[in-house]
PDB file of N, CA and C in Angstrom:
ATOM      1  N   MET A   1     -16.664 198.003 117.273  1.00  0.00           N
ATOM      2  CA  MET A   1     -15.356 197.208 117.583  1.00  0.00           C
ATOM      3  C   MET A   1     -14.351 197.037 116.519  1.00  0.00           C
ATOM      4  N   SER A   2     -15.000 196.746 115.309  1.00  0.00           N
ATOM      5  CA  SER A   2     -14.377 196.602 114.169  1.00  0.00           C
ATOM      6  C   SER A   2     -13.328 197.645 113.868  1.00  0.00           C
ATOM      7  N   ASN A   3     -13.948 198.808 113.850  1.00  0.00           N
ATOM      8  CA  ASN A   3     -13.070 200.001 113.501  1.00  0.00           C
ATOM      9  C   ASN A   3     -11.789 200.240 114.315  1.00  0.00           C
ATOM     10  N   LYS A   4     -11.974 199.934 115.719  1.00  0.00           N
ATOM     11  CA  LYS A   4     -10.981 199.968 116.674  1.00  0.00           C
ATOM     12  C   LYS A   4      -9.816 199.000 116.331  1.00  0.00           C
ATOM     13  N   ARG A   5     -10.240 197.844 116.050  1.00  0.00           N
ATOM     14  CA  ARG A   5      -9.260 196.757 115.509  1.00  0.00           C
ATOM     15  C   ARG A   5      -8.522 197.094 114.230  1.00  0.00           C
ATOM     16  N   LYS A   6      -9.296 197.827 113.389  1.00  0.00           N
ATOM     17  CA  LYS A   6      -8.466 198.156 112.192  1.00  0.00           C
ATOM     18  C   LYS A   6      -7.537 199.262 112.397  1.00  0.00           C
ATOM     19  N   LEU A   7      -7.917 200.112 113.307  1.00  0.00           N
ATOM     20  CA  LEU A   7      -7.006 201.170 113.669  1.00  0.00           C
ATOM     21  C   LEU A   7      -5.810 200.642 114.395  1.00  0.00           C
ATOM     22  N   ASP A   8      -6.080 199.751 115.468  1.00  0.00           N
ATOM     23  CA  ASP A   8      -4.894 199.054 115.882  1.00  0.00           C
ATOM     24  C   ASP A   8      -4.021 198.423 115.013  1.00  0.00           C
ATOM     25  N   ARG A   9      -4.431 197.752 114.025  1.00  0.00           N
ATOM     26  CA  ARG A   9      -3.559 197.181 113.061  1.00  0.00           C
ATOM     27  C   ARG A   9      -2.832 198.100 112.134  1.00  0.00           C
ATOM     28  N   GLU A  10      -3.476 199.081 111.824  1.00  0.00           N
ATOM     29  CA  GLU A  10      -2.876 200.318 110.969  1.00  0.00           C
ATOM     30  C   GLU A  10      -1.542 201.095 111.906  1.00  0.00           C
ATOM     31  N   GLY A  11      -1.931 201.212 112.992  1.00  0.00           N
ATOM     32  CA  GLY A  11      -0.881 201.730 113.960  1.00  0.00           C
ATOM     33  C   GLY A  11       0.076 200.833 114.096  1.00  0.00           C
ATOM     34  N   LEU A  12      -0.158 199.437 114.329  1.00  0.00           N
ATOM     35  CA  LEU A  12       0.913 198.458 114.558  1.00  0.00           C
ATOM     36  C   LEU A  12       1.748 198.276 113.234  1.00  0.00           C
ATOM     37  N   GLU A  13       1.026 198.466 112.060  1.00  0.00           N
ATOM     38  CA  GLU A  13       1.582 198.311 110.772  1.00  0.00           C
ATOM     39  C   GLU A  13       2.975 199.435 110.590  1.00  0.00           C
ATOM     40  N   VAL A  14       2.430 200.678 110.848  1.00  0.00           N
ATOM     41  CA  VAL A  14       3.306 201.844 110.931  1.00  0.00           C
ATOM     42  C   VAL A  14       4.503 201.637 111.900  1.00  0.00           C
ATOM     43  N   TYR A  15       4.092 201.163 113.017  1.00  0.00           N
ATOM     44  CA  TYR A  15       5.349 200.843 114.011  1.00  0.00           C
ATOM     45  C   TYR A  15       6.231 199.844 113.490  1.00  0.00           C
ATOM     46  N   LEU A  16       5.757 198.608 112.833  1.00  0.00           N
ATOM     47  CA  LEU A  16       6.536 197.567 112.459  1.00  0.00           C
ATOM     48  C   LEU A  16       7.455 198.017 111.200  1.00  0.00           C
ATOM     49  N   LEU A  17       6.779 198.749 110.317  1.00  0.00           N
ATOM     50  CA  LEU A  17       7.417 199.418 109.057  1.00  0.00           C
ATOM     51  C   LEU A  17       8.581 200.232 109.461  1.00  0.00           C
ATOM     52  N   ASN A  18       8.458 201.235 110.563  1.00  0.00           N
ATOM     53  CA  ASN A  18       9.438 201.918 110.954  1.00  0.00           C
ATOM     54  C   ASN A  18      10.588 201.126 111.691  1.00  0.00           C
ATOM     55  N   LEU A  19      10.252 200.107 112.455  1.00  0.00           N
ATOM     56  CA  LEU A  19      11.128 199.246 112.919  1.00  0.00           C
ATOM     57  C   LEU A  19      11.988 198.629 111.868  1.00  0.00           C
ATOM     58  N   LEU A  20      11.443 197.986 110.932  1.00  0.00           N
ATOM     59  CA  LEU A  20      12.037 197.281 110.136  1.00  0.00           C
ATOM     60  C   LEU A  20      12.992 198.242 109.253  1.00  0.00           C
ATOM     61  N   LEU A  21      12.560 199.499 108.873  1.00  0.00           N
ATOM     62  CA  LEU A  21      13.536 200.391 108.177  1.00  0.00           C
ATOM     63  C   LEU A  21      14.794 200.884 109.106  1.00  0.00           C
ATOM     64  N   ALA A  22      14.382 200.908 110.301  1.00  0.00           N
ATOM     65  CA  ALA A  22      15.451 201.394 111.241  1.00  0.00           C
ATOM     66  C   ALA A  22      16.598 200.345 111.610  1.00  0.00           C
ATOM     67  N   TYR A  23      16.126 199.176 111.473  1.00  0.00           N
ATOM     68  CA  TYR A  23      17.136 197.987 111.570  1.00  0.00           C
ATOM     69  C   TYR A  23      17.501 197.330 110.216  1.00  0.00           C
ATOM     70  N   ARG A  24      17.508 198.123 109.106  1.00  0.00           N
ATOM     71  CA  ARG A  24      17.735 197.643 107.923  1.00  0.00           C
ATOM     72  C   ARG A  24      19.303 197.358 107.620  1.00  0.00           C
ATOM     73  N   PRO A  25      20.298 198.004 108.399  1.00  0.00           N
ATOM     74  CA  PRO A  25      21.670 197.755 108.181  1.00  0.00           C
ATOM     75  C   PRO A  25      21.974 196.406 109.005  1.00  0.00           C
ATOM     76  N   LEU A  26      21.381 196.390 110.117  1.00  0.00           N
ATOM     77  CA  LEU A  26      21.529 195.051 110.974  1.00  0.00           C
ATOM     78  C   LEU A  26      21.020 193.848 110.250  1.00  0.00           C
ATOM     79  N   LEU A  27      19.762 194.130 109.539  1.00  0.00           N
ATOM     80  CA  LEU A  27      19.356 193.055 108.792  1.00  0.00           C
ATOM     81  C   LEU A  27      20.101 192.547 107.542  1.00  0.00           C
ATOM     82  N   PHE A  28      20.758 193.610 107.167  1.00  0.00           N
ATOM     83  CA  PHE A  28      21.677 193.158 106.003  1.00  0.00           C
ATOM     84  C   PHE A  28      23.091 192.441 106.543  1.00  0.00           C
ATOM     85  N   ILE A  29      23.468 192.822 107.651  1.00  0.00           N
ATOM     86  CA  ILE A  29      24.598 192.252 108.175  1.00  0.00           C
ATOM     87  C   ILE A  29      24.317 190.682 108.469  1.00  0.00           C
ATOM     88  N   CYS A  30      23.120 190.778 109.185  1.00  0.00           N
ATOM     89  CA  CYS A  30      22.696 189.150 109.429  1.00  0.00           C
ATOM     90  C   CYS A  30      22.393 188.280 108.309  1.00  0.00           C
ATOM     91  N   GLY A  31      21.636 189.106 107.300  1.00  0.00           N
ATOM     92  CA  GLY A  31      21.529 188.281 105.939  1.00  0.00           C
ATOM     93  C   GLY A  31      22.770 187.713 105.450  1.00  0.00           C
ATOM     94  N   LEU A  32      23.942 188.621 105.453  1.00  0.00           N
ATOM     95  CA  LEU A  32      25.232 188.249 104.832  1.00  0.00           C
ATOM     96  C   LEU A  32      25.759 187.163 105.440  1.00  0.00           C
ATOM     97  N   PHE A  33      25.741 187.228 107.001  1.00  0.00           N
ATOM     98  CA  PHE A  33      26.389 186.190 107.673  1.00  0.00           C
ATOM     99  C   PHE A  33      25.713 184.826 107.547  1.00  0.00           C
ATOM    100  N   LEU A  34      24.364 184.895 107.415  1.00  0.00           N
ATOM    101  CA  LEU A  34      23.569 183.534 107.018  1.00  0.00           C
ATOM    102  C   LEU A  34      23.636 183.163 105.701  1.00  0.00           C
ATOM    103  N   LEU A  35      23.890 183.901 104.806  1.00  0.00           N
ATOM    104  CA  LEU A  35      24.158 183.565 103.400  1.00  0.00           C
ATOM    105  C   LEU A  35      25.384 182.833 103.189  1.00  0.00           C
ATOM    106  N   PHE A  36      26.636 183.300 104.000  1.00  0.00           N
ATOM    107  CA  PHE A  36      27.709 182.690 103.958  1.00  0.00           C
ATOM    108  C   PHE A  36      27.670 181.143 104.643  1.00  0.00           C
ATOM    109  N   TYR A  37      26.998 181.482 105.800  1.00  0.00           N
ATOM    110  CA  TYR A  37      26.855 179.958 106.477  1.00  0.00           C
ATOM    111  C   TYR A  37      25.945 178.993 105.606  1.00  0.00           C
ATOM    112  N   ALA A  38      25.074 179.579 104.798  1.00  0.00           N
ATOM    113  CA  ALA A  38      24.287 178.543 104.074  1.00  0.00           C
ATOM    114  C   ALA A  38      25.213 177.988 102.858  1.00  0.00           C
ATOM    115  N   ILE A  39      25.890 178.894 102.376  1.00  0.00           N
ATOM    116  CA  ILE A  39      26.935 178.340 101.253  1.00  0.00           C
ATOM    117  C   ILE A  39      27.704 177.456 101.826  1.00  0.00           C
ATOM    118  N   GLY A  40      28.215 177.330 103.141  1.00  0.00           N
ATOM    119  CA  GLY A  40      29.017 176.449 103.857  1.00  0.00           C
ATOM    120  C   GLY A  40      28.415 175.331 103.943  1.00  0.00           C
ATOM    121  N   VAL A  41      26.951 175.329 104.397  1.00  0.00           N
ATOM    122  CA  VAL A  41      26.245 174.037 104.478  1.00  0.00           C
ATOM    123  C   VAL A  41      25.920 173.355 103.185  1.00  0.00           C
ATOM    124  N   ILE A  42      25.777 174.153 102.228  1.00  0.00           N
ATOM    125  CA  ILE A  42      25.276 173.556 101.029  1.00  0.00           C
ATOM    126  C   ILE A  42      26.338 172.504 100.306  1.00  0.00           C
ATOM    127  N   THR A  43      27.767 172.935 100.880  1.00  0.00           N
ATOM    128  CA  THR A  43      28.805 172.034 100.355  1.00  0.00           C
ATOM    129  C   THR A  43      28.797 170.732 101.005  1.00  0.00           C
ATOM    130  N   LYS A  44      28.278 170.589 102.107  1.00  0.00           N
ATOM    131  CA  LYS A  44      28.084 169.428 102.944  1.00  0.00           C
ATOM    132  C   LYS A  44      26.701 168.608 102.764  1.00  0.00           C
ATOM    133  N   SER A  45      25.583 169.281 102.506  1.00  0.00           N
ATOM    134  CA  SER A  45      24.376 168.697 102.443  1.00  0.00           C
ATOM    135  C   SER A  45      23.544 169.636 101.617  1.00  0.00           C
ATOM    136  N   PHE A  46      23.153 169.070 100.482  1.00  0.00           N
ATOM    137  CA  PHE A  46      22.295 170.079  99.416  1.00  0.00           C
ATOM    138  C   PHE A  46      20.987 170.403  99.985  1.00  0.00           C
ATOM    139  N   ILE A  47      20.307 169.382 100.485  1.00  0.00           N
ATOM    140  CA  ILE A  47      18.747 169.659 101.061  1.00  0.00           C
ATOM    141  C   ILE A  47      19.025 170.594 102.328  1.00  0.00           C
ATOM    142  N   LEU A  48      19.686 170.241 103.280  1.00  0.00           N
ATOM    143  CA  LEU A  48      19.955 171.159 104.397  1.00  0.00           C
ATOM    144  C   LEU A  48      20.492 172.543 103.954  1.00  0.00           C
ATOM    145  N   GLY A  49      21.324 172.522 102.957  1.00  0.00           N
ATOM    146  CA  GLY A  49      21.767 173.818 102.495  1.00  0.00           C
ATOM    147  C   GLY A  49      20.763 174.855 101.920  1.00  0.00           C
ATOM    148  N   VAL A  50      20.020 174.361 101.097  1.00  0.00           N
ATOM    149  CA  VAL A  50      18.856 174.896 100.433  1.00  0.00           C
ATOM    150  C   VAL A  50      17.768 175.443 101.442  1.00  0.00           C
ATOM    151  N   THR A  51      17.629 174.609 102.512  1.00  0.00           N
ATOM    152  CA  THR A  51      16.634 175.133 103.354  1.00  0.00           C
ATOM    153  C   THR A  51      17.323 176.152 104.318  1.00  0.00           C
ATOM    154  N   THR A  52      18.595 176.146 104.443  1.00  0.00           N
ATOM    155  CA  THR A  52      19.209 177.382 105.299  1.00  0.00           C
ATOM    156  C   THR A  52      19.393 178.524 104.392  1.00  0.00           C
ATOM    157  N   PHE A  53      19.209 178.345 103.040  1.00  0.00           N
ATOM    158  CA  PHE A  53      19.336 179.464 101.962  1.00  0.00           C
ATOM    159  C   PHE A  53      18.166 180.437 102.100  1.00  0.00           C
ATOM    160  N   VAL A  54      17.091 179.998 102.372  1.00  0.00           N
ATOM    161  CA  VAL A  54      15.883 180.805 102.105  1.00  0.00           C
ATOM    162  C   VAL A  54      15.854 181.902 103.296  1.00  0.00           C
ATOM    163  N   PRO A  55      16.102 181.720 104.404  1.00  0.00           N
ATOM    164  CA  PRO A  55      16.113 182.942 105.394  1.00  0.00           C
ATOM    165  C   PRO A  55      16.995 184.108 105.049  1.00  0.00           C
ATOM    166  N   PRO A  56      18.184 183.721 104.707  1.00  0.00           N
ATOM    167  CA  PRO A  56      19.018 184.856 104.468  1.00  0.00           C
ATOM    168  C   PRO A  56      18.738 185.639 103.090  1.00  0.00           C
ATOM    169  N   VAL A  57      18.296 184.985 102.043  1.00  0.00           N
ATOM    170  CA  VAL A  57      17.635 185.538 100.949  1.00  0.00           C
ATOM    171  C   VAL A  57      16.481 186.522 101.352  1.00  0.00           C
ATOM    172  N   PHE A  58      15.501 185.835 102.142  1.00  0.00           N
ATOM    173  CA  PHE A  58      14.410 186.871 102.447  1.00  0.00           C
ATOM    174  C   PHE A  58      14.893 188.189 103.255  1.00  0.00           C
ATOM    175  N   LEU A  59      16.007 188.032 104.142  1.00  0.00           N
ATOM    176  CA  LEU A  59      16.519 189.045 104.807  1.00  0.00           C
ATOM    177  C   LEU A  59      17.175 190.154 104.084  1.00  0.00           C
ATOM    178  N   LEU A  60      17.983 189.535 102.947  1.00  0.00           N
ATOM    179  CA  LEU A  60      18.545 190.474 101.994  1.00  0.00           C
ATOM    180  C   LEU A  60      17.607 191.146 101.234  1.00  0.00           C
ATOM    181  N   LEU A  61      16.559 190.570 100.764  1.00  0.00           N
ATOM    182  CA  LEU A  61      15.522 191.129 100.025  1.00  0.00           C
ATOM    183  C   LEU A  61      14.855 192.155 100.731  1.00  0.00           C
ATOM    184  N   LEU A  62      14.713 191.860 101.966  1.00  0.00           N
ATOM    185  CA  LEU A  62      13.862 192.903 102.897  1.00  0.00           C
ATOM    186  C   LEU A  62      14.774 194.177 103.047  1.00  0.00           C
ATOM    187  N   CYS A  63      15.997 194.118 102.986  1.00  0.00           N
ATOM    188  CA  CYS A  63      16.905 195.074 103.044  1.00  0.00           C
ATOM    189  C   CYS A  63      16.933 195.989 101.769  1.00  0.00           C
ATOM    190  N   PHE A  64      16.670 195.612 100.648  1.00  0.00           N
ATOM    191  CA  PHE A  64      16.638 196.203  99.355  1.00  0.00           C
ATOM    192  C   PHE A  64      15.149 196.401  98.653  1.00  0.00           C
ATOM    193  N   SER A  65      14.183 195.949  99.263  1.00  0.00           N
ATOM    194  CA  SER A  65      12.893 196.021  98.618  1.00  0.00           C
ATOM    195  C   SER A  65      11.838 196.706  99.635  1.00  0.00           C
ATOM    196  N   TYR A  66      11.480 198.037  99.368  1.00  0.00           N
ATOM    197  CA  TYR A  66      10.481 198.720 100.097  1.00  0.00           C
ATOM    198  C   TYR A  66       9.049 197.984 100.101  1.00  0.00           C
ATOM    199  N   HIS A  67       8.812 197.462  98.930  1.00  0.00           N
ATOM    200  CA  HIS A  67       7.517 196.886  98.824  1.00  0.00           C
ATOM    201  C   HIS A  67       7.497 195.590  99.634  1.00  0.00           C
ATOM    202  N   LEU A  68       8.527 194.882  99.736  1.00  0.00           N
ATOM    203  CA  LEU A  68       8.552 193.687 100.617  1.00  0.00           C
ATOM    204  C   LEU A  68       8.614 193.915 102.070  1.00  0.00           C
ATOM    205  N   THR A  69       9.151 194.862 102.249  1.00  0.00           N
ATOM    206  CA  THR A  69       9.142 195.405 103.825  1.00  0.00           C
ATOM    207  C   THR A  69       7.860 195.880 104.214  1.00  0.00           C
ATOM    208  N   LEU A  70       7.204 196.557 103.291  1.00  0.00           N
ATOM    209  CA  LEU A  70       5.838 196.937 103.649  1.00  0.00           C
ATOM    210  C   LEU A  70       4.819 195.799 103.654  1.00  0.00           C
ATOM    211  N   SER A  71       4.960 194.734 102.770  1.00  0.00           N
ATOM    212  CA  SER A  71       4.137 193.629 102.913  1.00  0.00           C
ATOM    213  C   SER A  71       4.524 192.829 104.205  1.00  0.00           C
ATOM    214  N   THR A  72       5.638 192.775 104.691  1.00  0.00           N
ATOM    215  CA  THR A  72       6.077 192.069 105.780  1.00  0.00           C
ATOM    216  C   THR A  72       5.499 192.775 107.026  1.00  0.00           C
ATOM    217  N   ALA A  73       5.392 194.102 106.850  1.00  0.00           N
ATOM    218  CA  ALA A  73       4.850 194.868 108.170  1.00  0.00           C
ATOM    219  C   ALA A  73       3.289 194.671 108.362  1.00  0.00           C
ATOM    220  N   LYS A  74       2.756 194.573 107.159  1.00  0.00           N
ATOM    221  CA  LYS A  74       1.324 194.377 107.005  1.00  0.00           C
ATOM    222  C   LYS A  74       0.813 192.918 107.627  1.00  0.00           C
ATOM    223  N   PHE A  75       1.781 191.917 107.153  1.00  0.00           N
ATOM    224  CA  PHE A  75       1.374 190.563 107.417  1.00  0.00           C
ATOM    225  C   PHE A  75       1.824 190.355 109.032  1.00  0.00           C
ATOM    226  N   GLY A  76       2.855 191.146 109.491  1.00  0.00           N
ATOM    227  CA  GLY A  76       3.205 191.058 110.920  1.00  0.00           C
ATOM    228  C   GLY A  76       1.985 191.607 111.842  1.00  0.00           C
ATOM    229  N   ALA A  77       1.481 192.621 111.260  1.00  0.00           N
ATOM    230  CA  ALA A  77       0.472 193.483 111.919  1.00  0.00           C
ATOM    231  C   ALA A  77      -0.782 192.623 111.900  1.00  0.00           C
ATOM    232  N   TRP A  78      -1.126 191.880 110.875  1.00  0.00           N
ATOM    233  CA  TRP A  78      -2.356 191.176 110.891  1.00  0.00           C
ATOM    234  C   TRP A  78      -2.287 189.957 111.777  1.00  0.00           C
ATOM    235  N   LEU A  79      -0.943 189.214 111.855  1.00  0.00           N
ATOM    236  CA  LEU A  79      -0.798 188.255 112.673  1.00  0.00           C
ATOM    237  C   LEU A  79      -0.903 188.765 114.150  1.00  0.00           C
ATOM    238  N   LEU A  80      -0.366 189.851 114.470  1.00  0.00           N
ATOM    239  CA  LEU A  80      -0.291 190.136 115.943  1.00  0.00           C
ATOM    240  C   LEU A  80      -1.739 190.658 116.368  1.00  0.00           C
ATOM    241  N   THR A  81      -2.688 191.136 115.537  1.00  0.00           N
ATOM    242  CA  THR A  81      -3.842 191.349 115.858  1.00  0.00           C
ATOM    243  C   THR A  81      -4.712 190.234 116.052  1.00  0.00           C
ATOM    244  N   LEU A  82      -4.371 189.080 115.646  1.00  0.00           N
ATOM    245  CA  LEU A  82      -5.187 187.685 115.653  1.00  0.00           C
ATOM    246  C   LEU A  82      -4.844 187.233 117.098  1.00  0.00           C
ATOM    247  N   LEU A  83      -3.861 187.799 117.836  1.00  0.00           N
ATOM    248  CA  LEU A  83      -3.513 187.241 119.172  1.00  0.00           C
ATOM    249  C   LEU A  83      -4.719 187.784 120.177  1.00  0.00           C
ATOM    250  N   PRO A  84      -5.128 187.110 121.291  1.00  0.00           N
ATOM    251  CA  PRO A  84      -6.208 187.566 122.125  1.00  0.00           C
ATOM    252  C   PRO A  84      -5.642 188.766 122.823  1.00  0.00           C
ATOM    253  N   ARG A  85      -6.528 189.793 123.148  1.00  0.00           N
ATOM    254  CA  ARG A  85      -6.145 190.917 123.710  1.00  0.00           C
ATOM    255  C   ARG A  85      -6.494 190.793 125.260  1.00  0.00           C
ATOM    256  N   LYS A  86      -5.378 191.134 126.099  1.00  0.00           N
ATOM    257  CA  LYS A  86      -5.608 191.243 127.401  1.00  0.00           C
ATOM    258  C   LYS A  86      -6.382 192.368 127.934  1.00  0.00           C
ATOM    259  N   SER A  87      -7.494 192.087 128.630  1.00  0.00           N
ATOM    260  CA  SER A  87      -8.422 193.338 128.994  1.00  0.00           C
ATOM    261  C   SER A  87      -8.025 193.913 130.333  1.00  0.00           C
TER     262      SER A  87
END
């Protein structure tokens, strides 16, 4: 049972990695849009602006760093294998 779960996680990891790499331009556009929004929010409220500044930075780093993309795919596959399986 443990080997099957490991194979499921590795297959899911490859799928998520390919999905993230395929949608990299869309993530870049969304990251830029959210970054401009966070800059606008930071002028009104510093605390709220800093909190809205974190997701766009992550999205932009995800577009430019293969290592971060791979780590995110591994983390997502690990989280999805924790969900109960429907038999």
